Amino acid sequence: MRFAHYVFPCVLMALSPLMGSPSAAQSDDVAKSDVPMNEYAPKVPEGPAPLRVLTCHVRHATNIDPTLNQAESDIIYSDEADFTLELGAGRVPLAVGIGTARSDETPPVSYRIAADPQHLFAMAGPTLDRVADYWPKHVEVGKTIMGKAFSFILLDEVPGDPAHMTAFVSRAADAVAIDLGWTYRGLCKTSLRPR
C-alpha cells in the first residue's frame, strides 16, 4: 500500500475524531463528553437519529495532488464502485471506537456496510470500529485494517440538497498519511427509515 504523507486540511480536520485522543484512550474514568473533539465539526442534533441508508456511487480519483489547487475538472477518474452504508437509529455515537474515552466501546452493529458489490471494502469487511456521527452535516466511519491502518468514509452534506451527501473514501496509516493511490469520490443518495 502506497501512503503519501501530506497535510490536506479538509481531510486532516475530518480525520481528527476518527483518530481520537490518545490520552483519553488510556483512562476509563474520562467521560466521553470530555474527550476533545474536532472544533470544526458540526454539532450533532438533539434527540435520536433515524435509521439512515446511503446508496453511494464513487469513482477512483487517480491524480489527486494535495500540493495543487485542483478544480473538479482537473481530476481524472477511472474505476467506479457502488456501496450501501447503514447508519443506525437511536443514540448517535460521537467519535466511538479506537482512541475514544472508553477503549472497550465500539460502534453499534447497526452501523455497517450493507452492500459492497465491487468489493471496495474487502480488506475491511462490513463492520465498523470507528464512527463519528454529526448527522446531517458530517459523518465519518472507518475500520481498522492491517493493524494500525484503517479504511474510512467521510460523508458531508450537499448544501441545499438534503437527499444527498458527498463521499470521500480512502485508507490512512495516520491522520497525515492518506493512500492517494486508493482514493474514491462520489455521491450518496440518502433515505431515512423509521425505527
N, C-alpha and C. Protein backbone atom coordinates (compact mmCIF):
# COMPACT_ATOMS: atom_id res chain seq x y z
N MET A 1 0.84 -1.17 0.00
CA MET A 1 0.00 0.00 0.00
C MET A 1 0.88 1.23 0.00
N ARG A 2 0.65 2.13 -0.93
CA ARG A 2 1.48 3.34 -1.05
C ARG A 2 0.78 4.49 -0.33
N PHE A 3 1.34 4.91 0.80
CA PHE A 3 0.78 6.05 1.51
C PHE A 3 1.59 7.28 1.17
N ALA A 4 0.91 8.35 0.87
CA ALA A 4 1.57 9.62 0.61
C ALA A 4 1.39 10.51 1.84
N HIS A 5 2.47 11.08 2.32
CA HIS A 5 2.40 11.93 3.50
C HIS A 5 2.21 13.37 3.08
N TYR A 6 1.20 14.01 3.65
CA TYR A 6 0.94 15.39 3.33
C TYR A 6 -0.05 15.97 4.32
N VAL A 7 -0.22 17.26 4.29
CA VAL A 7 -1.27 17.90 5.08
C VAL A 7 -2.34 18.36 4.11
N PHE A 8 -3.47 17.73 4.15
CA PHE A 8 -4.61 18.03 3.29
C PHE A 8 -5.68 18.54 4.25
N PRO A 9 -5.81 19.87 4.41
CA PRO A 9 -6.57 20.43 5.53
C PRO A 9 -7.95 19.85 5.75
N CYS A 10 -8.78 19.73 4.70
CA CYS A 10 -10.14 19.28 4.94
C CYS A 10 -10.17 17.82 5.41
N VAL A 11 -9.31 16.99 4.85
CA VAL A 11 -9.27 15.59 5.27
C VAL A 11 -8.65 15.47 6.65
N LEU A 12 -7.60 16.23 6.91
CA LEU A 12 -6.93 16.18 8.21
C LEU A 12 -7.89 16.59 9.31
N MET A 13 -8.64 17.68 9.10
CA MET A 13 -9.60 18.12 10.12
C MET A 13 -10.66 17.07 10.32
N ALA A 14 -11.12 16.47 9.24
CA ALA A 14 -12.19 15.48 9.34
C ALA A 14 -11.72 14.21 10.01
N LEU A 15 -10.46 13.85 9.84
CA LEU A 15 -9.95 12.62 10.44
C LEU A 15 -9.72 12.74 11.94
N SER A 16 -9.69 13.94 12.47
CA SER A 16 -9.38 14.11 13.89
C SER A 16 -10.27 13.28 14.81
N PRO A 17 -11.61 13.30 14.65
CA PRO A 17 -12.42 12.45 15.52
C PRO A 17 -12.13 10.97 15.34
N LEU A 18 -11.90 10.52 14.11
CA LEU A 18 -11.62 9.10 13.90
C LEU A 18 -10.31 8.68 14.56
N MET A 19 -9.33 9.59 14.55
CA MET A 19 -8.03 9.25 15.16
C MET A 19 -8.14 9.24 16.66
N GLY A 20 -9.06 10.04 17.22
CA GLY A 20 -9.29 10.02 18.65
C GLY A 20 -8.24 10.77 19.43
N SER A 21 -8.34 10.65 20.73
CA SER A 21 -7.43 11.32 21.65
C SER A 21 -6.63 10.28 22.40
N PRO A 22 -5.33 10.12 22.13
CA PRO A 22 -4.54 9.08 22.78
C PRO A 22 -4.59 9.15 24.29
N SER A 23 -4.53 10.35 24.85
CA SER A 23 -4.50 10.44 26.30
C SER A 23 -5.84 9.98 26.89
N ALA A 24 -6.94 10.27 26.19
CA ALA A 24 -8.24 9.86 26.69
C ALA A 24 -8.40 8.35 26.65
N ALA A 25 -7.80 7.72 25.65
CA ALA A 25 -7.94 6.27 25.50
C ALA A 25 -7.29 5.52 26.65
N GLN A 26 -6.40 6.16 27.37
CA GLN A 26 -5.70 5.48 28.44
C GLN A 26 -6.46 5.51 29.76
N SER A 27 -7.59 6.21 29.82
CA SER A 27 -8.32 6.33 31.07
C SER A 27 -9.78 6.01 30.87
N ASP A 28 -10.29 5.01 31.62
CA ASP A 28 -11.70 4.69 31.57
C ASP A 28 -12.50 5.62 32.46
N ASP A 29 -11.83 6.52 33.22
CA ASP A 29 -12.51 7.43 34.11
C ASP A 29 -12.96 8.71 33.41
N VAL A 30 -12.51 8.91 32.17
CA VAL A 30 -12.83 10.13 31.45
C VAL A 30 -14.17 9.95 30.75
N ALA A 31 -15.08 10.89 30.96
CA ALA A 31 -16.37 10.83 30.29
C ALA A 31 -16.18 11.14 28.81
N LYS A 32 -16.96 10.47 27.97
CA LYS A 32 -16.82 10.68 26.54
C LYS A 32 -17.05 12.14 26.16
N SER A 33 -17.92 12.82 26.91
CA SER A 33 -18.20 14.23 26.62
C SER A 33 -16.98 15.11 26.89
N ASP A 34 -16.01 14.60 27.67
CA ASP A 34 -14.81 15.37 27.98
C ASP A 34 -13.70 15.18 26.97
N VAL A 35 -13.87 14.24 26.03
CA VAL A 35 -12.83 13.97 25.05
C VAL A 35 -12.78 15.13 24.06
N PRO A 36 -11.60 15.70 23.82
CA PRO A 36 -11.52 16.81 22.85
C PRO A 36 -11.98 16.35 21.48
N MET A 37 -12.84 17.14 20.88
CA MET A 37 -13.36 16.80 19.55
C MET A 37 -12.81 17.80 18.54
N ASN A 38 -13.01 17.50 17.31
CA ASN A 38 -12.63 18.40 16.22
C ASN A 38 -13.45 19.68 16.37
N GLU A 39 -12.78 20.80 16.64
CA GLU A 39 -13.50 22.04 16.91
C GLU A 39 -14.27 22.54 15.68
N TYR A 40 -13.91 22.06 14.49
CA TYR A 40 -14.58 22.50 13.27
C TYR A 40 -15.76 21.61 12.91
N ALA A 41 -15.94 20.51 13.63
CA ALA A 41 -17.03 19.59 13.31
C ALA A 41 -18.37 20.22 13.69
N PRO A 42 -19.41 19.98 12.87
CA PRO A 42 -20.72 20.50 13.22
C PRO A 42 -21.27 19.83 14.47
N LYS A 43 -22.16 20.51 15.15
CA LYS A 43 -22.77 19.96 16.36
C LYS A 43 -23.87 18.98 15.96
N VAL A 44 -23.96 17.89 16.69
CA VAL A 44 -24.97 16.88 16.40
C VAL A 44 -26.34 17.37 16.88
N PRO A 45 -27.41 17.07 16.11
CA PRO A 45 -28.74 17.49 16.53
C PRO A 45 -29.16 16.80 17.83
N GLU A 46 -30.06 17.43 18.55
CA GLU A 46 -30.60 16.83 19.77
C GLU A 46 -31.50 15.66 19.40
N GLY A 47 -31.59 14.70 20.28
CA GLY A 47 -32.52 13.60 20.09
C GLY A 47 -31.94 12.46 19.28
N PRO A 48 -32.67 11.33 19.23
CA PRO A 48 -32.18 10.15 18.50
C PRO A 48 -32.22 10.35 16.99
N ALA A 49 -31.35 9.66 16.32
CA ALA A 49 -31.29 9.73 14.85
C ALA A 49 -32.17 8.63 14.26
N PRO A 50 -32.69 8.85 13.06
CA PRO A 50 -33.42 7.78 12.38
C PRO A 50 -32.43 6.79 11.76
N LEU A 51 -32.93 5.64 11.31
CA LEU A 51 -32.10 4.75 10.52
C LEU A 51 -31.86 5.44 9.19
N ARG A 52 -30.58 5.57 8.83
CA ARG A 52 -30.21 6.24 7.59
C ARG A 52 -29.53 5.26 6.66
N VAL A 53 -30.02 5.18 5.43
CA VAL A 53 -29.44 4.27 4.44
C VAL A 53 -28.90 5.13 3.31
N LEU A 54 -27.62 5.00 3.03
CA LEU A 54 -26.98 5.78 1.98
C LEU A 54 -26.55 4.85 0.85
N THR A 55 -27.08 5.10 -0.33
CA THR A 55 -26.72 4.35 -1.53
C THR A 55 -25.71 5.19 -2.29
N CYS A 56 -24.47 4.71 -2.35
CA CYS A 56 -23.36 5.53 -2.82
C CYS A 56 -22.78 5.03 -4.15
N HIS A 57 -22.37 5.98 -4.96
CA HIS A 57 -21.66 5.69 -6.21
C HIS A 57 -20.40 6.55 -6.20
N VAL A 58 -19.23 5.88 -6.23
CA VAL A 58 -17.95 6.60 -6.18
C VAL A 58 -17.07 6.19 -7.34
N ARG A 59 -16.11 7.07 -7.66
CA ARG A 59 -15.16 6.80 -8.74
C ARG A 59 -13.74 6.97 -8.21
N HIS A 60 -12.84 6.15 -8.72
CA HIS A 60 -11.43 6.20 -8.32
C HIS A 60 -10.78 7.45 -8.88
N ALA A 61 -10.34 8.34 -7.99
CA ALA A 61 -9.65 9.57 -8.40
C ALA A 61 -8.16 9.25 -8.52
N THR A 62 -7.64 9.26 -9.74
CA THR A 62 -6.29 8.74 -9.99
C THR A 62 -5.17 9.77 -9.83
N ASN A 63 -5.52 11.04 -9.81
CA ASN A 63 -4.44 12.04 -9.82
C ASN A 63 -4.60 13.14 -8.77
N ILE A 64 -5.19 12.81 -7.64
CA ILE A 64 -5.32 13.83 -6.59
C ILE A 64 -3.93 14.21 -6.10
N ASP A 65 -3.69 15.51 -6.09
CA ASP A 65 -2.40 16.04 -5.62
C ASP A 65 -2.69 17.19 -4.66
N PRO A 66 -2.54 16.95 -3.36
CA PRO A 66 -2.87 17.99 -2.38
C PRO A 66 -1.95 19.20 -2.42
N THR A 67 -0.85 19.12 -3.16
CA THR A 67 0.04 20.28 -3.27
C THR A 67 -0.46 21.26 -4.33
N LEU A 68 -1.46 20.83 -5.11
CA LEU A 68 -2.01 21.68 -6.16
C LEU A 68 -3.41 22.14 -5.78
N ASN A 69 -3.81 23.26 -6.32
CA ASN A 69 -5.18 23.75 -6.14
C ASN A 69 -6.01 23.22 -7.30
N GLN A 70 -6.43 21.94 -7.20
CA GLN A 70 -7.10 21.29 -8.32
C GLN A 70 -8.59 21.60 -8.35
N ALA A 71 -9.08 21.95 -9.53
CA ALA A 71 -10.52 22.08 -9.75
C ALA A 71 -11.08 20.68 -10.03
N GLU A 72 -12.38 20.53 -9.90
CA GLU A 72 -13.01 19.24 -10.17
C GLU A 72 -12.68 18.78 -11.59
N SER A 73 -12.60 19.71 -12.54
CA SER A 73 -12.31 19.35 -13.93
C SER A 73 -10.89 18.83 -14.11
N ASP A 74 -10.00 19.04 -13.13
CA ASP A 74 -8.63 18.56 -13.21
C ASP A 74 -8.48 17.11 -12.76
N ILE A 75 -9.48 16.58 -12.05
CA ILE A 75 -9.40 15.23 -11.51
C ILE A 75 -9.72 14.21 -12.60
N ILE A 76 -8.87 13.19 -12.70
CA ILE A 76 -9.08 12.11 -13.66
C ILE A 76 -9.61 10.90 -12.89
N TYR A 77 -10.71 10.35 -13.38
CA TYR A 77 -11.35 9.22 -12.71
C TYR A 77 -11.22 7.95 -13.56
N SER A 78 -11.20 6.81 -12.86
CA SER A 78 -11.17 5.53 -13.58
C SER A 78 -12.29 4.64 -13.06
N ASP A 79 -11.96 3.58 -12.34
CA ASP A 79 -12.95 2.60 -11.91
C ASP A 79 -14.08 3.22 -11.09
N GLU A 80 -15.24 2.58 -11.17
CA GLU A 80 -16.40 3.02 -10.41
C GLU A 80 -16.82 1.91 -9.46
N ALA A 81 -17.47 2.29 -8.38
CA ALA A 81 -17.95 1.30 -7.41
C ALA A 81 -19.20 1.84 -6.73
N ASP A 82 -20.05 0.92 -6.31
CA ASP A 82 -21.26 1.25 -5.56
C ASP A 82 -21.18 0.55 -4.20
N PHE A 83 -21.77 1.17 -3.21
CA PHE A 83 -21.90 0.51 -1.92
C PHE A 83 -23.08 1.12 -1.18
N THR A 84 -23.60 0.38 -0.22
CA THR A 84 -24.69 0.86 0.63
C THR A 84 -24.20 0.88 2.06
N LEU A 85 -24.40 2.01 2.70
CA LEU A 85 -23.96 2.21 4.07
C LEU A 85 -25.18 2.44 4.94
N GLU A 86 -25.27 1.70 6.05
CA GLU A 86 -26.35 1.91 7.00
C GLU A 86 -25.80 2.60 8.24
N LEU A 87 -26.49 3.65 8.65
CA LEU A 87 -26.14 4.36 9.88
C LEU A 87 -27.31 4.15 10.84
N GLY A 88 -27.03 3.49 11.95
CA GLY A 88 -28.07 3.01 12.85
C GLY A 88 -28.93 4.09 13.48
N ALA A 89 -30.14 3.69 13.86
CA ALA A 89 -31.08 4.58 14.52
C ALA A 89 -30.78 4.63 16.02
N GLY A 90 -31.31 5.67 16.65
CA GLY A 90 -31.18 5.78 18.10
C GLY A 90 -30.10 6.75 18.52
N ARG A 91 -29.41 6.40 19.60
CA ARG A 91 -28.35 7.26 20.13
C ARG A 91 -27.26 7.43 19.08
N VAL A 92 -26.85 8.64 18.87
CA VAL A 92 -25.82 8.92 17.88
C VAL A 92 -24.45 8.85 18.53
N PRO A 93 -23.57 7.95 18.09
CA PRO A 93 -22.24 7.87 18.69
C PRO A 93 -21.32 8.97 18.18
N LEU A 94 -20.76 9.75 19.09
CA LEU A 94 -19.80 10.78 18.72
C LEU A 94 -18.41 10.23 18.93
N ALA A 95 -17.68 10.02 17.85
CA ALA A 95 -16.30 9.55 17.92
C ALA A 95 -16.16 8.30 18.78
N VAL A 96 -16.92 7.27 18.45
CA VAL A 96 -16.85 6.00 19.16
C VAL A 96 -15.85 5.09 18.48
N GLY A 97 -15.08 4.37 19.26
CA GLY A 97 -14.13 3.42 18.69
C GLY A 97 -12.73 3.68 19.21
N ILE A 98 -11.74 3.29 18.43
CA ILE A 98 -10.35 3.42 18.85
C ILE A 98 -10.01 4.87 19.12
N GLY A 99 -9.39 5.13 20.27
CA GLY A 99 -8.95 6.48 20.62
C GLY A 99 -9.98 7.29 21.37
N THR A 100 -11.13 6.71 21.71
CA THR A 100 -12.12 7.45 22.47
C THR A 100 -11.92 7.20 23.96
N ALA A 101 -12.77 7.81 24.76
CA ALA A 101 -12.58 7.76 26.21
C ALA A 101 -12.61 6.33 26.74
N ARG A 102 -13.52 5.53 26.26
CA ARG A 102 -13.61 4.15 26.73
C ARG A 102 -13.10 3.23 25.63
N SER A 103 -11.93 2.69 25.85
CA SER A 103 -11.28 1.91 24.79
C SER A 103 -12.03 0.64 24.43
N ASP A 104 -12.93 0.18 25.33
CA ASP A 104 -13.66 -1.05 25.05
C ASP A 104 -15.00 -0.79 24.35
N GLU A 105 -15.35 0.48 24.11
CA GLU A 105 -16.62 0.79 23.48
C GLU A 105 -16.47 0.75 21.97
N THR A 106 -17.42 0.12 21.30
CA THR A 106 -17.39 0.04 19.85
C THR A 106 -18.70 0.59 19.30
N PRO A 107 -18.72 0.98 18.03
CA PRO A 107 -19.96 1.48 17.45
C PRO A 107 -21.04 0.41 17.45
N PRO A 108 -22.31 0.81 17.47
CA PRO A 108 -23.40 -0.17 17.37
C PRO A 108 -23.27 -0.98 16.09
N VAL A 109 -23.69 -2.24 16.14
CA VAL A 109 -23.58 -3.10 14.96
C VAL A 109 -24.48 -2.62 13.84
N SER A 110 -25.42 -1.72 14.15
CA SER A 110 -26.31 -1.18 13.12
C SER A 110 -25.58 -0.18 12.22
N TYR A 111 -24.35 0.19 12.55
CA TYR A 111 -23.51 0.98 11.65
C TYR A 111 -22.69 -0.03 10.85
N ARG A 112 -22.97 -0.13 9.53
CA ARG A 112 -22.30 -1.17 8.75
C ARG A 112 -22.38 -0.88 7.27
N ILE A 113 -21.51 -1.54 6.52
CA ILE A 113 -21.58 -1.52 5.07
C ILE A 113 -22.51 -2.68 4.68
N ALA A 114 -23.69 -2.33 4.20
CA ALA A 114 -24.72 -3.33 3.95
C ALA A 114 -24.57 -4.02 2.60
N ALA A 115 -23.96 -3.34 1.63
CA ALA A 115 -23.75 -3.93 0.31
C ALA A 115 -22.46 -3.36 -0.28
N ASP A 116 -21.70 -4.24 -0.92
CA ASP A 116 -20.40 -3.84 -1.49
C ASP A 116 -20.13 -4.72 -2.72
N PRO A 117 -20.92 -4.57 -3.79
CA PRO A 117 -20.82 -5.49 -4.92
C PRO A 117 -19.47 -5.52 -5.62
N GLN A 118 -18.74 -4.41 -5.63
CA GLN A 118 -17.42 -4.38 -6.28
C GLN A 118 -16.30 -4.69 -5.29
N HIS A 119 -16.64 -5.06 -4.06
CA HIS A 119 -15.67 -5.44 -3.02
C HIS A 119 -14.68 -4.31 -2.72
N LEU A 120 -15.18 -3.10 -2.73
CA LEU A 120 -14.34 -1.95 -2.43
C LEU A 120 -13.76 -2.05 -1.02
N PHE A 121 -14.54 -2.61 -0.10
CA PHE A 121 -14.12 -2.70 1.30
C PHE A 121 -13.78 -4.13 1.70
N ALA A 122 -13.30 -4.91 0.75
CA ALA A 122 -12.99 -6.32 1.02
C ALA A 122 -11.97 -6.48 2.14
N MET A 123 -10.98 -5.59 2.21
CA MET A 123 -9.96 -5.70 3.25
C MET A 123 -10.54 -5.38 4.62
N ALA A 124 -11.54 -4.51 4.67
CA ALA A 124 -12.09 -4.06 5.95
C ALA A 124 -13.29 -4.89 6.39
N GLY A 125 -14.08 -5.36 5.45
CA GLY A 125 -15.30 -6.09 5.80
C GLY A 125 -16.44 -5.14 6.13
N PRO A 126 -17.62 -5.69 6.43
CA PRO A 126 -18.81 -4.85 6.59
C PRO A 126 -18.92 -4.13 7.94
N THR A 127 -18.23 -4.61 8.96
CA THR A 127 -18.36 -3.99 10.27
C THR A 127 -17.46 -2.77 10.39
N LEU A 128 -17.79 -1.90 11.34
CA LEU A 128 -17.03 -0.66 11.55
C LEU A 128 -16.55 -0.60 12.99
N ASP A 129 -15.34 -0.09 13.19
CA ASP A 129 -14.89 0.07 14.58
C ASP A 129 -14.60 1.53 14.93
N ARG A 130 -14.93 2.44 14.02
CA ARG A 130 -14.79 3.87 14.29
C ARG A 130 -15.98 4.59 13.69
N VAL A 131 -16.62 5.43 14.47
CA VAL A 131 -17.75 6.22 13.99
C VAL A 131 -17.70 7.59 14.66
N ALA A 132 -17.85 8.63 13.87
CA ALA A 132 -18.06 9.98 14.39
C ALA A 132 -19.26 10.52 13.63
N ASP A 133 -20.40 10.61 14.30
CA ASP A 133 -21.68 10.88 13.64
C ASP A 133 -22.18 12.27 14.01
N TYR A 134 -22.13 13.19 13.05
CA TYR A 134 -22.62 14.55 13.23
C TYR A 134 -23.75 14.81 12.24
N TRP A 135 -24.61 13.82 12.09
CA TRP A 135 -25.73 13.89 11.16
C TRP A 135 -26.56 15.14 11.44
N PRO A 136 -27.04 15.85 10.40
CA PRO A 136 -26.95 15.54 8.98
C PRO A 136 -25.81 16.26 8.26
N LYS A 137 -24.94 16.93 9.01
CA LYS A 137 -23.88 17.72 8.39
C LYS A 137 -22.69 16.87 7.95
N HIS A 138 -22.27 15.93 8.81
CA HIS A 138 -21.00 15.25 8.57
C HIS A 138 -20.98 13.92 9.32
N VAL A 139 -20.51 12.87 8.67
CA VAL A 139 -20.38 11.55 9.29
C VAL A 139 -19.07 10.94 8.85
N GLU A 140 -18.37 10.30 9.78
CA GLU A 140 -17.14 9.58 9.47
C GLU A 140 -17.26 8.17 10.00
N VAL A 141 -16.96 7.19 9.17
CA VAL A 141 -16.92 5.80 9.61
C VAL A 141 -15.63 5.17 9.13
N GLY A 142 -15.13 4.20 9.89
CA GLY A 142 -13.89 3.55 9.50
C GLY A 142 -13.75 2.18 10.09
N LYS A 143 -12.78 1.45 9.56
CA LYS A 143 -12.50 0.09 10.02
C LYS A 143 -11.00 -0.12 10.00
N THR A 144 -10.46 -0.61 11.09
CA THR A 144 -9.04 -0.88 11.18
C THR A 144 -8.67 -2.03 10.24
N ILE A 145 -7.59 -1.84 9.49
CA ILE A 145 -7.07 -2.89 8.62
C ILE A 145 -5.57 -2.97 8.82
N MET A 146 -5.03 -4.13 8.69
CA MET A 146 -3.57 -4.33 8.79
C MET A 146 -2.99 -3.71 10.06
N GLY A 147 -3.65 -3.94 11.18
CA GLY A 147 -3.12 -3.42 12.45
C GLY A 147 -3.47 -1.98 12.68
N LYS A 148 -2.57 -1.06 12.32
CA LYS A 148 -2.77 0.35 12.63
C LYS A 148 -3.51 1.12 11.56
N ALA A 149 -3.38 0.75 10.31
CA ALA A 149 -4.02 1.48 9.23
C ALA A 149 -5.53 1.28 9.27
N PHE A 150 -6.26 2.15 8.62
CA PHE A 150 -7.70 1.96 8.56
C PHE A 150 -8.27 2.50 7.26
N SER A 151 -9.41 1.89 6.89
CA SER A 151 -10.19 2.30 5.73
C SER A 151 -11.28 3.22 6.26
N PHE A 152 -11.58 4.31 5.53
CA PHE A 152 -12.57 5.24 6.06
C PHE A 152 -13.44 5.83 4.96
N ILE A 153 -14.62 6.30 5.38
CA ILE A 153 -15.56 7.00 4.51
C ILE A 153 -15.92 8.31 5.22
N LEU A 154 -15.76 9.43 4.52
CA LEU A 154 -16.18 10.73 5.04
C LEU A 154 -17.39 11.17 4.23
N LEU A 155 -18.45 11.53 4.92
CA LEU A 155 -19.69 11.97 4.28
C LEU A 155 -19.98 13.40 4.69
N ASP A 156 -20.31 14.25 3.73
CA ASP A 156 -20.63 15.65 4.02
C ASP A 156 -21.91 16.05 3.32
N GLU A 157 -22.65 16.94 3.95
CA GLU A 157 -23.90 17.41 3.36
C GLU A 157 -23.64 18.13 2.05
N VAL A 158 -24.62 18.09 1.17
CA VAL A 158 -24.60 18.89 -0.04
C VAL A 158 -25.51 20.08 0.26
N PRO A 159 -24.96 21.28 0.39
CA PRO A 159 -25.81 22.42 0.76
C PRO A 159 -27.01 22.57 -0.17
N GLY A 160 -28.18 22.70 0.44
CA GLY A 160 -29.41 22.86 -0.32
C GLY A 160 -29.98 21.58 -0.88
N ASP A 161 -29.36 20.43 -0.60
CA ASP A 161 -29.82 19.14 -1.13
C ASP A 161 -29.77 18.09 -0.03
N PRO A 162 -30.78 18.05 0.86
CA PRO A 162 -30.74 17.11 1.98
C PRO A 162 -30.85 15.64 1.57
N ALA A 163 -31.18 15.37 0.31
CA ALA A 163 -31.32 13.98 -0.14
C ALA A 163 -29.99 13.35 -0.54
N HIS A 164 -28.90 14.14 -0.53
CA HIS A 164 -27.60 13.61 -0.95
C HIS A 164 -26.48 14.05 0.00
N MET A 165 -25.41 13.25 0.02
CA MET A 165 -24.19 13.60 0.73
C MET A 165 -23.01 13.27 -0.18
N THR A 166 -21.94 14.04 -0.08
CA THR A 166 -20.73 13.69 -0.81
C THR A 166 -20.00 12.59 -0.04
N ALA A 167 -19.23 11.78 -0.75
CA ALA A 167 -18.46 10.70 -0.13
C ALA A 167 -17.00 10.81 -0.54
N PHE A 168 -16.11 10.69 0.43
CA PHE A 168 -14.67 10.61 0.20
C PHE A 168 -14.22 9.33 0.86
N VAL A 169 -13.65 8.41 0.08
CA VAL A 169 -13.26 7.09 0.58
C VAL A 169 -11.77 6.90 0.36
N SER A 170 -11.07 6.47 1.40
CA SER A 170 -9.64 6.20 1.25
C SER A 170 -9.16 5.32 2.40
N ARG A 171 -7.86 5.16 2.48
CA ARG A 171 -7.22 4.45 3.58
C ARG A 171 -6.15 5.37 4.15
N ALA A 172 -5.81 5.16 5.40
CA ALA A 172 -4.81 6.01 6.04
C ALA A 172 -4.01 5.21 7.04
N ALA A 173 -2.74 5.58 7.16
CA ALA A 173 -1.89 5.00 8.20
C ALA A 173 -2.02 5.81 9.48
N ASP A 174 -2.27 7.11 9.33
CA ASP A 174 -2.50 8.01 10.45
C ASP A 174 -3.15 9.27 9.88
N ALA A 175 -3.27 10.31 10.69
CA ALA A 175 -4.02 11.49 10.26
C ALA A 175 -3.36 12.27 9.12
N VAL A 176 -2.10 12.00 8.82
CA VAL A 176 -1.44 12.73 7.73
C VAL A 176 -0.85 11.80 6.68
N ALA A 177 -1.30 10.56 6.63
CA ALA A 177 -0.77 9.62 5.65
C ALA A 177 -1.92 8.94 4.92
N ILE A 178 -2.46 9.63 3.92
CA ILE A 178 -3.58 9.11 3.14
C ILE A 178 -3.03 8.33 1.94
N ASP A 179 -3.68 7.22 1.61
CA ASP A 179 -3.29 6.41 0.47
C ASP A 179 -3.86 7.05 -0.80
N LEU A 180 -3.05 7.89 -1.45
CA LEU A 180 -3.52 8.60 -2.64
C LEU A 180 -3.77 7.66 -3.81
N GLY A 181 -3.21 6.47 -3.78
CA GLY A 181 -3.44 5.50 -4.84
C GLY A 181 -4.76 4.77 -4.69
N TRP A 182 -5.45 4.97 -3.55
CA TRP A 182 -6.72 4.30 -3.29
C TRP A 182 -7.67 5.34 -2.69
N THR A 183 -8.08 6.26 -3.55
CA THR A 183 -8.96 7.35 -3.13
C THR A 183 -10.14 7.43 -4.08
N TYR A 184 -11.34 7.44 -3.52
CA TYR A 184 -12.57 7.47 -4.30
C TYR A 184 -13.41 8.65 -3.86
N ARG A 185 -14.11 9.25 -4.83
CA ARG A 185 -15.00 10.36 -4.54
C ARG A 185 -16.32 10.11 -5.24
N GLY A 186 -17.40 10.60 -4.63
CA GLY A 186 -18.69 10.42 -5.27
C GLY A 186 -19.83 11.00 -4.47
N LEU A 187 -21.02 10.45 -4.71
CA LEU A 187 -22.24 10.98 -4.13
C LEU A 187 -23.07 9.83 -3.56
N CYS A 188 -23.75 10.11 -2.46
CA CYS A 188 -24.64 9.12 -1.84
C CYS A 188 -26.05 9.67 -1.79
N LYS A 189 -27.01 8.85 -2.16
CA LYS A 189 -28.43 9.20 -2.01
C LYS A 189 -28.87 8.74 -0.63
N THR A 190 -29.49 9.62 0.10
CA THR A 190 -29.88 9.34 1.48
C THR A 190 -31.36 9.01 1.58
N SER A 191 -31.68 7.96 2.32
CA SER A 191 -33.08 7.71 2.66
C SER A 191 -33.17 7.45 4.15
N LEU A 192 -34.21 8.02 4.77
CA LEU A 192 -34.44 7.85 6.20
C LEU A 192 -35.55 6.83 6.37
N ARG A 193 -35.35 5.91 7.31
CA ARG A 193 -36.34 4.87 7.53
C ARG A 193 -36.77 4.88 8.98
N PRO A 194 -38.04 4.60 9.25
CA PRO A 194 -38.49 4.59 10.63
C PRO A 194 -37.81 3.49 11.42
N ARG A 195 -37.67 3.72 12.72
CA ARG A 195 -37.00 2.74 13.58
C ARG A 195 -37.84 1.50 13.76
